[in-house]
Amino acid sequence: MITAELKKAAEIAVLRCMGVKAGESVLIVVDTPQRDFGPLFSSPCLAAGAEPLILEMTPRGSHGEEPPEAVARAMLGADVILMPTSKSLSHTAARLAATRAGARIASLPTITPEVMGRTLVADYDEIERRNERLLGVLGGKSRVRLGTPAGTDLTFSIEGRTFHADGGINHRPGDFANLPAGEVYVAPVEGTAVGLLVVDGSMAGVGLLTDHIELVVTDGSVVEIRGGRGGRGTGEAHHALRVGRPQRGRAGNRYQRDGDGFRECPGGREGFGHLPRGPRRQLDLRG
């Protein structure tokens, strides 16, 4: 059901975050489970005098899998691209090519009506101020140690790397961000990460956890996975991470905050941080 709250969130995403203007072409890429988001984002585009096009594809098998060639070609011709899909297209060659072609892109993987209505109406000026404060704290550092009460103890080098901010505002050609937004991020130096990462909230490709999953990291690669819902989570984690395939240069650490502090959610805390993985070419990690 499309509510007034969702309409307002879509309007803010289109006009405030993406800066859609009259005469621009806006491509909205959805997949079958997320098809209802197409018309939701199309309406404010039409009201702004833009030309929206909705393309629906079948769901990809995993996050980061390339979209169909027809979708990839359409992305190269759009001024603005919104991607509310069930599997993320953020770290794909198609997205990177569209970014390099000048499209302003927002990825909204696994977005739900509840999340959309709660988060896309954020105060983006305040997000920018908080990001700037975090950049001031984290900038100029050469090494990171990540620790949590659950047992995470992971260290890696960021020598020569620069933190960047994602405030959700994509007004310049080639801008790319995830929505909801509000984070600063950096790419660790390849091959330097070592230690233990304990996932106690949720994991992409696995979902919410009822038991911790432990990832043992050596020389920048996950070499062992333990725990997780009676062994089932471990198997899913292996599938999600594609353990055993080359993964050098895949990880970028991100720190983020939600509201005035960390908000409790099932199995952990929301708004602490996350560790994406994949080839550096696709992650487009800069600095």
C-alpha atoms as a PDB file:
ATOM      1  CA  MET A   1       0.000   0.000   0.000  1.00  0.00           C
ATOM      2  CA  ILE A   2       1.402   3.389  -1.011  1.00  0.00           C
ATOM      3  CA  THR A   3       0.978   5.730   1.940  1.00  0.00           C
ATOM      4  CA  ALA A   4       1.501   9.473   2.264  1.00  0.00           C
ATOM      5  CA  GLU A   5       4.648   8.700   4.269  1.00  0.00           C
ATOM      6  CA  LEU A   6       6.110   6.616   1.451  1.00  0.00           C
ATOM      7  CA  LYS A   7       5.204   9.250  -1.147  1.00  0.00           C
ATOM      8  CA  LYS A   8       7.044  11.868   0.920  1.00  0.00           C
ATOM      9  CA  ALA A   9      10.096   9.611   1.279  1.00  0.00           C
ATOM     10  CA  ALA A  10      10.166   8.977  -2.491  1.00  0.00           C
ATOM     11  CA  GLU A  11       9.851  12.691  -3.202  1.00  0.00           C
ATOM     12  CA  ILE A  12      12.772  13.488  -0.899  1.00  0.00           C
ATOM     13  CA  ALA A  13      14.905  10.779  -2.519  1.00  0.00           C
ATOM     14  CA  VAL A  14      14.161  12.019  -6.033  1.00  0.00           C
ATOM     15  CA  LEU A  15      14.335  15.776  -5.458  1.00  0.00           C
ATOM     16  CA  ARG A  16      16.607  16.293  -2.426  1.00  0.00           C
ATOM     17  CA  CYS A  17      18.985  13.359  -2.788  1.00  0.00           C
ATOM     18  CA  MET A  18      19.170  13.011  -6.558  1.00  0.00           C
ATOM     19  CA  GLY A  19      18.329  16.576  -7.597  1.00  0.00           C
ATOM     20  CA  VAL A  20      16.146  15.410 -10.496  1.00  0.00           C
ATOM     21  CA  LYS A  21      15.271  18.251 -12.864  1.00  0.00           C
ATOM     22  CA  ALA A  22      12.872  18.785 -15.740  1.00  0.00           C
ATOM     23  CA  GLY A  23      13.985  17.136 -18.957  1.00  0.00           C
ATOM     24  CA  GLU A  24      16.308  14.595 -17.320  1.00  0.00           C
ATOM     25  CA  SER A  25      16.070  10.896 -18.035  1.00  0.00           C
ATOM     26  CA  VAL A  26      15.617   8.792 -14.896  1.00  0.00           C
ATOM     27  CA  LEU A  27      16.057   5.016 -15.034  1.00  0.00           C
ATOM     28  CA  ILE A  28      14.442   3.036 -12.209  1.00  0.00           C
ATOM     29  CA  VAL A  29      15.770  -0.525 -12.107  1.00  0.00           C
ATOM     30  CA  VAL A  30      13.651  -2.969 -10.093  1.00  0.00           C
ATOM     31  CA  ASP A  31      13.386  -6.723  -9.880  1.00  0.00           C
ATOM     32  CA  THR A  32      10.269  -8.809  -9.404  1.00  0.00           C
ATOM     33  CA  PRO A  33      10.150  -8.780  -5.568  1.00  0.00           C
ATOM     34  CA  GLN A  34      10.655  -4.982  -5.541  1.00  0.00           C
ATOM     35  CA  ARG A  35       8.455  -4.004  -8.497  1.00  0.00           C
ATOM     36  CA  ASP A  36       6.148  -1.833  -6.348  1.00  0.00           C
ATOM     37  CA  PHE A  37       8.973   0.658  -5.821  1.00  0.00           C
ATOM     38  CA  GLY A  38       9.027   1.501  -9.542  1.00  0.00           C
ATOM     39  CA  PRO A  39       5.832   3.580  -9.676  1.00  0.00           C
ATOM     40  CA  LEU A  40       6.598   4.974  -6.219  1.00  0.00           C
ATOM     41  CA  PHE A  41       9.812   6.626  -7.436  1.00  0.00           C
ATOM     42  CA  SER A  42       8.425   7.379 -10.897  1.00  0.00           C
ATOM     43  CA  SER A  43       5.649   9.674  -9.634  1.00  0.00           C
ATOM     44  CA  PRO A  44       7.869  12.476  -8.231  1.00  0.00           C
ATOM     45  CA  CYS A  45      10.040  12.249 -11.360  1.00  0.00           C
ATOM     46  CA  LEU A  46       6.987  12.925 -13.523  1.00  0.00           C
ATOM     47  CA  ALA A  47       5.922  15.778 -11.238  1.00  0.00           C
ATOM     48  CA  ALA A  48       9.375  17.345 -11.672  1.00  0.00           C
ATOM     49  CA  GLY A  49       9.070  17.201 -15.469  1.00  0.00           C
ATOM     50  CA  ALA A  50      11.620  14.414 -15.878  1.00  0.00           C
ATOM     51  CA  GLU A  51      11.270  11.353 -18.105  1.00  0.00           C
ATOM     52  CA  PRO A  52      11.241   8.203 -15.919  1.00  0.00           C
ATOM     53  CA  LEU A  53      11.660   4.707 -17.301  1.00  0.00           C
ATOM     54  CA  ILE A  54      11.042   1.603 -15.179  1.00  0.00           C
ATOM     55  CA  LEU A  55      12.919  -1.575 -16.095  1.00  0.00           C
ATOM     56  CA  GLU A  56      12.011  -4.786 -14.274  1.00  0.00           C
ATOM     57  CA  MET A  57      14.350  -7.784 -14.315  1.00  0.00           C
ATOM     58  CA  THR A  58      14.341 -11.169 -12.645  1.00  0.00           C
ATOM     59  CA  PRO A  59      16.178 -11.271  -9.295  1.00  0.00           C
ATOM     60  CA  ARG A  60      19.914 -11.851  -9.488  1.00  0.00           C
ATOM     61  CA  GLY A  61      21.320 -14.931  -7.797  1.00  0.00           C
ATOM     62  CA  SER A  62      23.493 -12.916  -5.406  1.00  0.00           C
ATOM     63  CA  HIS A  63      24.561  -9.403  -4.524  1.00  0.00           C
ATOM     64  CA  GLY A  64      26.979  -8.041  -7.106  1.00  0.00           C
ATOM     65  CA  GLU A  65      25.777 -10.215  -9.983  1.00  0.00           C
ATOM     66  CA  GLU A  66      25.571  -8.273 -13.234  1.00  0.00           C
ATOM     67  CA  PRO A  67      22.162  -7.140 -14.527  1.00  0.00           C
ATOM     68  CA  PRO A  68      20.946  -8.225 -17.989  1.00  0.00           C
ATOM     69  CA  GLU A  69      22.796  -6.645 -20.894  1.00  0.00           C
ATOM     70  CA  ALA A  70      19.716  -4.629 -21.887  1.00  0.00           C
ATOM     71  CA  VAL A  71      19.615  -3.054 -18.417  1.00  0.00           C
ATOM     72  CA  ALA A  72      23.347  -2.341 -18.486  1.00  0.00           C
ATOM     73  CA  ARG A  73      22.989  -0.585 -21.847  1.00  0.00           C
ATOM     74  CA  ALA A  74      20.045   1.495 -20.602  1.00  0.00           C
ATOM     75  CA  MET A  75      22.101   2.583 -17.576  1.00  0.00           C
ATOM     76  CA  LEU A  76      24.687   4.138 -19.883  1.00  0.00           C
ATOM     77  CA  GLY A  77      22.098   6.522 -21.351  1.00  0.00           C
ATOM     78  CA  ALA A  78      20.428   7.784 -18.162  1.00  0.00           C
ATOM     79  CA  ASP A  79      21.049  11.032 -16.299  1.00  0.00           C
ATOM     80  CA  VAL A  80      19.836   9.538 -13.005  1.00  0.00           C
ATOM     81  CA  ILE A  81      19.522   5.894 -11.924  1.00  0.00           C
ATOM     82  CA  LEU A  82      17.618   4.528  -8.925  1.00  0.00           C
ATOM     83  CA  MET A  83      18.123   0.839  -8.116  1.00  0.00           C
ATOM     84  CA  PRO A  84      15.624  -0.493  -5.511  1.00  0.00           C
ATOM     85  CA  THR A  85      16.398  -4.179  -6.040  1.00  0.00           C
ATOM     86  CA  SER A  86      16.401  -7.274  -3.848  1.00  0.00           C
ATOM     87  CA  LYS A  87      20.059  -7.973  -4.733  1.00  0.00           C
ATOM     88  CA  SER A  88      22.543  -5.128  -4.774  1.00  0.00           C
ATOM     89  CA  LEU A  89      23.847  -3.788  -8.089  1.00  0.00           C
ATOM     90  CA  SER A  90      26.256  -1.406  -6.350  1.00  0.00           C
ATOM     91  CA  HIS A  91      29.412  -3.414  -6.969  1.00  0.00           C
ATOM     92  CA  THR A  92      28.841  -4.385 -10.587  1.00  0.00           C
ATOM     93  CA  ALA A  93      30.671  -3.484 -13.772  1.00  0.00           C
ATOM     94  CA  ALA A  94      27.374  -2.102 -15.139  1.00  0.00           C
ATOM     95  CA  ARG A  95      27.016   0.357 -12.276  1.00  0.00           C
ATOM     96  CA  LEU A  96      30.658   1.400 -12.487  1.00  0.00           C
ATOM     97  CA  ALA A  97      30.384   1.985 -16.256  1.00  0.00           C
ATOM     98  CA  ALA A  98      27.263   4.132 -15.755  1.00  0.00           C
ATOM     99  CA  THR A  99      29.043   6.138 -13.052  1.00  0.00           C
ATOM    100  CA  ARG A 100      31.969   6.752 -15.374  1.00  0.00           C
ATOM    101  CA  ALA A 101      29.505   7.813 -18.084  1.00  0.00           C
ATOM    102  CA  GLY A 102      28.246  10.545 -15.742  1.00  0.00           C
ATOM    103  CA  ALA A 103      25.012   9.112 -14.326  1.00  0.00           C
ATOM    104  CA  ARG A 104      23.993  10.090 -10.802  1.00  0.00           C
ATOM    105  CA  ILE A 105      23.164   6.807  -9.100  1.00  0.00           C
ATOM    106  CA  ALA A 106      21.505   5.692  -5.885  1.00  0.00           C
ATOM    107  CA  SER A 107      21.450   2.035  -4.900  1.00  0.00           C
ATOM    108  CA  LEU A 108      18.684   0.900  -2.540  1.00  0.00           C
ATOM    109  CA  PRO A 109      19.241  -2.854  -2.153  1.00  0.00           C
ATOM    110  CA  THR A 110      16.738  -4.781  -0.030  1.00  0.00           C
ATOM    111  CA  ILE A 111      14.825  -1.573   0.753  1.00  0.00           C
ATOM    112  CA  THR A 112      11.509  -2.121   2.519  1.00  0.00           C
ATOM    113  CA  PRO A 113       8.555   0.249   2.966  1.00  0.00           C
ATOM    114  CA  GLU A 114       9.310   0.476   6.704  1.00  0.00           C
ATOM    115  CA  VAL A 115      12.969   1.345   6.159  1.00  0.00           C
ATOM    116  CA  MET A 116      12.118   3.756   3.370  1.00  0.00           C
ATOM    117  CA  GLY A 117       9.532   5.657   5.376  1.00  0.00           C
ATOM    118  CA  ARG A 118      11.787   5.853   8.439  1.00  0.00           C
ATOM    119  CA  THR A 119      15.146   6.731   6.911  1.00  0.00           C
ATOM    120  CA  LEU A 120      14.802   8.538   3.581  1.00  0.00           C
ATOM    121  CA  VAL A 121      13.179  11.495   5.339  1.00  0.00           C
ATOM    122  CA  ALA A 122      16.394  12.154   7.279  1.00  0.00           C
ATOM    123  CA  ASP A 123      17.896  15.599   7.856  1.00  0.00           C
ATOM    124  CA  TYR A 124      20.594  15.495   5.169  1.00  0.00           C
ATOM    125  CA  ASP A 125      22.229  18.703   6.357  1.00  0.00           C
ATOM    126  CA  GLU A 126      22.732  17.088   9.763  1.00  0.00           C
ATOM    127  CA  ILE A 127      24.082  13.928   8.127  1.00  0.00           C
ATOM    128  CA  GLU A 128      26.644  16.060   6.303  1.00  0.00           C
ATOM    129  CA  ARG A 129      27.683  17.785   9.553  1.00  0.00           C
ATOM    130  CA  ARG A 130      28.136  14.459  11.340  1.00  0.00           C
ATOM    131  CA  ASN A 131      30.084  13.011   8.438  1.00  0.00           C
ATOM    132  CA  GLU A 132      32.415  15.996   8.515  1.00  0.00           C
ATOM    133  CA  ARG A 133      33.009  15.481  12.249  1.00  0.00           C
ATOM    134  CA  LEU A 134      33.796  11.799  11.691  1.00  0.00           C
ATOM    135  CA  LEU A 135      36.170  12.638   8.850  1.00  0.00           C
ATOM    136  CA  GLY A 136      37.981  14.990  11.212  1.00  0.00           C
ATOM    137  CA  VAL A 137      38.397  12.211  13.779  1.00  0.00           C
ATOM    138  CA  LEU A 138      39.371   9.440  11.368  1.00  0.00           C
ATOM    139  CA  GLY A 139      41.401  11.373   8.810  1.00  0.00           C
ATOM    140  CA  GLY A 140      45.170  11.099   8.824  1.00  0.00           C
ATOM    141  CA  LYS A 141      45.268   7.689  10.494  1.00  0.00           C
ATOM    142  CA  SER A 142      47.406   4.857   9.128  1.00  0.00           C
ATOM    143  CA  ARG A 143      46.087   1.807  10.954  1.00  0.00           C
ATOM    144  CA  VAL A 144      42.666   0.656  12.176  1.00  0.00           C
ATOM    145  CA  ARG A 145      41.804  -1.760  14.944  1.00  0.00           C
ATOM    146  CA  LEU A 146      38.165  -2.831  14.986  1.00  0.00           C
ATOM    147  CA  GLY A 147      36.880  -4.383  18.206  1.00  0.00           C
ATOM    148  CA  THR A 148      33.501  -5.249  19.710  1.00  0.00           C
ATOM    149  CA  PRO A 149      32.228  -6.804  22.968  1.00  0.00           C
ATOM    150  CA  ALA A 150      31.183  -9.849  20.918  1.00  0.00           C
ATOM    151  CA  GLY A 151      34.836 -10.656  20.247  1.00  0.00           C
ATOM    152  CA  THR A 152      35.758  -8.917  17.011  1.00  0.00           C
ATOM    153  CA  ASP A 153      39.440  -8.003  16.953  1.00  0.00           C
ATOM    154  CA  LEU A 154      40.490  -7.051  13.434  1.00  0.00           C
ATOM    155  CA  THR A 155      43.386  -4.839  12.368  1.00  0.00           C
ATOM    156  CA  PHE A 156      44.367  -3.518   8.959  1.00  0.00           C
ATOM    157  CA  SER A 157      46.433  -0.790   7.355  1.00  0.00           C
ATOM    158  CA  ILE A 158      44.946   2.280   5.683  1.00  0.00           C
ATOM    159  CA  GLU A 159      48.350   3.789   4.924  1.00  0.00           C
ATOM    160  CA  GLY A 160      47.958   6.203   2.006  1.00  0.00           C
ATOM    161  CA  ARG A 161      44.192   5.740   1.904  1.00  0.00           C
ATOM    162  CA  THR A 162      41.597   8.476   2.379  1.00  0.00           C
ATOM    163  CA  PHE A 163      38.243   8.338   4.148  1.00  0.00           C
ATOM    164  CA  HIS A 164      35.263   9.451   2.056  1.00  0.00           C
ATOM    165  CA  ALA A 165      31.765  10.479   3.104  1.00  0.00           C
ATOM    166  CA  ASP A 166      28.411   9.291   1.781  1.00  0.00           C
ATOM    167  CA  GLY A 167      25.779  11.817   2.744  1.00  0.00           C
ATOM    168  CA  GLY A 168      23.145  10.697   0.253  1.00  0.00           C
ATOM    169  CA  ILE A 169      23.332  13.816  -1.947  1.00  0.00           C
ATOM    170  CA  ASN A 170      24.019  13.011  -5.615  1.00  0.00           C
ATOM    171  CA  HIS A 171      23.827  16.230  -7.605  1.00  0.00           C
ATOM    172  CA  ARG A 172      27.035  16.061  -9.659  1.00  0.00           C
ATOM    173  CA  PRO A 173      27.623  13.890 -12.732  1.00  0.00           C
ATOM    174  CA  GLY A 174      29.142  10.592 -11.618  1.00  0.00           C
ATOM    175  CA  ASP A 175      27.927  10.827  -8.011  1.00  0.00           C
ATOM    176  CA  PHE A 176      27.073   7.461  -6.492  1.00  0.00           C
ATOM    177  CA  ALA A 177      25.696   6.560  -3.067  1.00  0.00           C
ATOM    178  CA  ASN A 178      23.579   4.091  -1.207  1.00  0.00           C
ATOM    179  CA  LEU A 179      20.237   5.130   0.213  1.00  0.00           C
ATOM    180  CA  PRO A 180      19.595   5.261   3.114  1.00  0.00           C
ATOM    181  CA  ALA A 181      22.855   7.156   3.566  1.00  0.00           C
ATOM    182  CA  GLY A 182      25.032   8.463   6.359  1.00  0.00           C
ATOM    183  CA  GLU A 183      28.522   6.963   6.565  1.00  0.00           C
ATOM    184  CA  VAL A 184      32.207   7.490   6.057  1.00  0.00           C
ATOM    185  CA  TYR A 185      34.296   4.742   4.493  1.00  0.00           C
ATOM    186  CA  VAL A 186      37.805   3.690   3.563  1.00  0.00           C
ATOM    187  CA  ALA A 187      39.492   0.822   1.712  1.00  0.00           C
ATOM    188  CA  PRO A 188      42.064  -1.145   3.718  1.00  0.00           C
ATOM    189  CA  VAL A 189      45.382  -1.806   2.059  1.00  0.00           C
ATOM    190  CA  GLU A 190      45.044  -5.126   0.285  1.00  0.00           C
ATOM    191  CA  GLY A 191      46.467  -8.100   2.153  1.00  0.00           C
ATOM    192  CA  THR A 192      46.883  -6.315   5.507  1.00  0.00           C
ATOM    193  CA  ALA A 193      43.707  -7.332   7.353  1.00  0.00           C
ATOM    194  CA  VAL A 194      44.246  -9.922  10.084  1.00  0.00           C
ATOM    195  CA  GLY A 195      42.213 -11.103  13.071  1.00  0.00           C
ATOM    196  CA  LEU A 196      38.699 -12.208  13.937  1.00  0.00           C
ATOM    197  CA  LEU A 197      35.437 -10.695  12.741  1.00  0.00           C
ATOM    198  CA  VAL A 198      32.370 -11.721  14.758  1.00  0.00           C
ATOM    199  CA  VAL A 199      29.075 -11.087  12.957  1.00  0.00           C
ATOM    200  CA  ASP A 200      26.325 -10.907  15.581  1.00  0.00           C
ATOM    201  CA  GLY A 201      23.554  -8.947  13.873  1.00  0.00           C
ATOM    202  CA  SER A 202      22.975  -9.743  10.221  1.00  0.00           C
ATOM    203  CA  MET A 203      24.998 -10.774   7.206  1.00  0.00           C
ATOM    204  CA  ALA A 204      24.332 -10.117   3.531  1.00  0.00           C
ATOM    205  CA  GLY A 205      23.257 -13.338   1.879  1.00  0.00           C
ATOM    206  CA  VAL A 206      22.395 -14.893   5.255  1.00  0.00           C
ATOM    207  CA  GLY A 207      20.038 -12.418   6.965  1.00  0.00           C
ATOM    208  CA  LEU A 208      19.372 -11.893  10.669  1.00  0.00           C
ATOM    209  CA  LEU A 209      21.391 -14.243  12.834  1.00  0.00           C
ATOM    210  CA  THR A 210      20.330 -16.219  15.874  1.00  0.00           C
ATOM    211  CA  ASP A 211      23.935 -17.241  16.547  1.00  0.00           C
ATOM    212  CA  HIS A 212      27.244 -15.522  15.919  1.00  0.00           C
ATOM    213  CA  ILE A 213      29.283 -16.210  12.798  1.00  0.00           C
ATOM    214  CA  GLU A 214      33.052 -15.918  13.207  1.00  0.00           C
ATOM    215  CA  LEU A 215      35.251 -15.068  10.233  1.00  0.00           C
ATOM    216  CA  VAL A 216      38.978 -15.706  10.634  1.00  0.00           C
ATOM    217  CA  VAL A 217      40.958 -13.284   8.469  1.00  0.00           C
ATOM    218  CA  THR A 218      44.584 -13.753   7.413  1.00  0.00           C
ATOM    219  CA  ASP A 219      46.487 -11.590   4.925  1.00  0.00           C
ATOM    220  CA  GLY A 220      43.287  -9.875   3.840  1.00  0.00           C
ATOM    221  CA  SER A 221      41.280 -13.035   3.123  1.00  0.00           C
ATOM    222  CA  VAL A 222      38.689 -15.004   5.072  1.00  0.00           C
ATOM    223  CA  VAL A 223      40.349 -18.381   5.703  1.00  0.00           C
ATOM    224  CA  GLU A 224      37.869 -19.969   8.130  1.00  0.00           C
ATOM    225  CA  ILE A 225      34.193 -19.556   9.043  1.00  0.00           C
ATOM    226  CA  ARG A 226      32.706 -20.855  12.304  1.00  0.00           C
ATOM    227  CA  GLY A 227      29.324 -20.887  14.044  1.00  0.00           C
ATOM    228  CA  GLY A 228      25.932 -19.667  12.900  1.00  0.00           C
ATOM    229  CA  ARG A 229      22.521 -21.263  13.516  1.00  0.00           C
ATOM    230  CA  GLY A 230      23.516 -24.860  14.062  1.00  0.00           C
ATOM    231  CA  GLY A 231      25.882 -24.901  11.106  1.00  0.00           C
ATOM    232  CA  ARG A 232      23.310 -23.677   8.570  1.00  0.00           C
ATOM    233  CA  GLY A 233      24.512 -20.101   8.871  1.00  0.00           C
ATOM    234  CA  THR A 234      28.077 -21.236   8.300  1.00  0.00           C
ATOM    235  CA  GLY A 235      27.118 -22.893   5.028  1.00  0.00           C
ATOM    236  CA  GLU A 236      25.224 -19.810   3.920  1.00  0.00           C
ATOM    237  CA  ALA A 237      28.154 -17.619   4.907  1.00  0.00           C
ATOM    238  CA  HIS A 238      30.469 -19.769   2.787  1.00  0.00           C
ATOM    239  CA  HIS A 239      28.101 -19.313  -0.139  1.00  0.00           C
ATOM    240  CA  ALA A 240      27.752 -15.573   0.441  1.00  0.00           C
ATOM    241  CA  LEU A 241      31.497 -15.032   0.662  1.00  0.00           C
ATOM    242  CA  ARG A 242      32.370 -17.559  -2.076  1.00  0.00           C
ATOM    243  CA  VAL A 243      35.194 -18.860   0.089  1.00  0.00           C
ATOM    244  CA  GLY A 244      37.952 -20.540  -1.893  1.00  0.00           C
ATOM    245  CA  ARG A 245      37.786 -18.112  -4.796  1.00  0.00           C
ATOM    246  CA  PRO A 246      40.353 -15.302  -5.191  1.00  0.00           C
ATOM    247  CA  GLN A 247      39.363 -12.430  -2.930  1.00  0.00           C
ATOM    248  CA  ARG A 248      42.436 -10.243  -2.672  1.00  0.00           C
ATOM    249  CA  GLY A 249      41.724  -6.543  -2.491  1.00  0.00           C
ATOM    250  CA  ARG A 250      38.072  -7.074  -1.779  1.00  0.00           C
ATOM    251  CA  ALA A 251      37.329  -5.385   1.541  1.00  0.00           C
ATOM    252  CA  GLY A 252      36.397  -1.839   2.439  1.00  0.00           C
ATOM    253  CA  ASN A 253      35.591  -0.895   6.014  1.00  0.00           C
ATOM    254  CA  ARG A 254      32.794   1.557   6.681  1.00  0.00           C
ATOM    255  CA  TYR A 255      31.829   3.381   9.858  1.00  0.00           C
ATOM    256  CA  GLN A 256      28.377   4.865  10.242  1.00  0.00           C
ATOM    257  CA  ARG A 257      25.977   6.292  12.802  1.00  0.00           C
ATOM    258  CA  ASP A 258      22.205   6.294  12.978  1.00  0.00           C
ATOM    259  CA  GLY A 259      20.570   9.169  14.879  1.00  0.00           C
ATOM    260  CA  ASP A 260      22.091  10.390  18.128  1.00  0.00           C
ATOM    261  CA  GLY A 261      23.609   7.031  18.965  1.00  0.00           C
ATOM    262  CA  PHE A 262      23.522   3.343  18.228  1.00  0.00           C
ATOM    263  CA  ARG A 263      20.035   1.849  18.053  1.00  0.00           C
ATOM    264  CA  GLU A 264      19.392  -1.671  19.307  1.00  0.00           C
ATOM    265  CA  CYS A 265      18.152  -4.224  16.789  1.00  0.00           C
ATOM    266  CA  PRO A 266      17.733  -8.004  16.988  1.00  0.00           C
ATOM    267  CA  GLY A 267      21.070  -9.725  17.507  1.00  0.00           C
ATOM    268  CA  GLY A 268      23.230  -6.608  17.641  1.00  0.00           C
ATOM    269  CA  ARG A 269      23.381  -2.887  17.013  1.00  0.00           C
ATOM    270  CA  GLU A 270      22.275  -0.991  13.948  1.00  0.00           C
ATOM    271  CA  GLY A 271      24.503   1.749  12.626  1.00  0.00           C
ATOM    272  CA  PHE A 272      27.901   0.498  13.748  1.00  0.00           C
ATOM    273  CA  GLY A 273      29.739  -0.592  10.648  1.00  0.00           C
ATOM    274  CA  HIS A 274      29.992  -3.116   7.871  1.00  0.00           C
ATOM    275  CA  LEU A 275      32.629  -4.868   5.811  1.00  0.00           C
ATOM    276  CA  PRO A 276      31.780  -5.283   2.119  1.00  0.00           C
ATOM    277  CA  ARG A 277      33.794  -7.628  -0.038  1.00  0.00           C
ATOM    278  CA  GLY A 278      34.540  -8.055  -3.713  1.00  0.00           C
ATOM    279  CA  PRO A 279      37.145  -7.166  -6.319  1.00  0.00           C
ATOM    280  CA  ARG A 280      38.512  -3.655  -5.838  1.00  0.00           C
ATOM    281  CA  ARG A 281      37.712  -2.935  -9.499  1.00  0.00           C
ATOM    282  CA  GLN A 282      34.005  -3.371  -8.797  1.00  0.00           C
ATOM    283  CA  LEU A 283      33.966  -1.766  -5.363  1.00  0.00           C
ATOM    284  CA  ASP A 284      35.428   1.423  -6.926  1.00  0.00           C
ATOM    285  CA  LEU A 285      37.303   2.165  -3.717  1.00  0.00           C
ATOM    286  CA  ARG A 286      39.192   5.407  -4.076  1.00  0.00           C
ATOM    287  CA  GLY A 287      42.149   6.853  -2.213  1.00  0.00           C
END
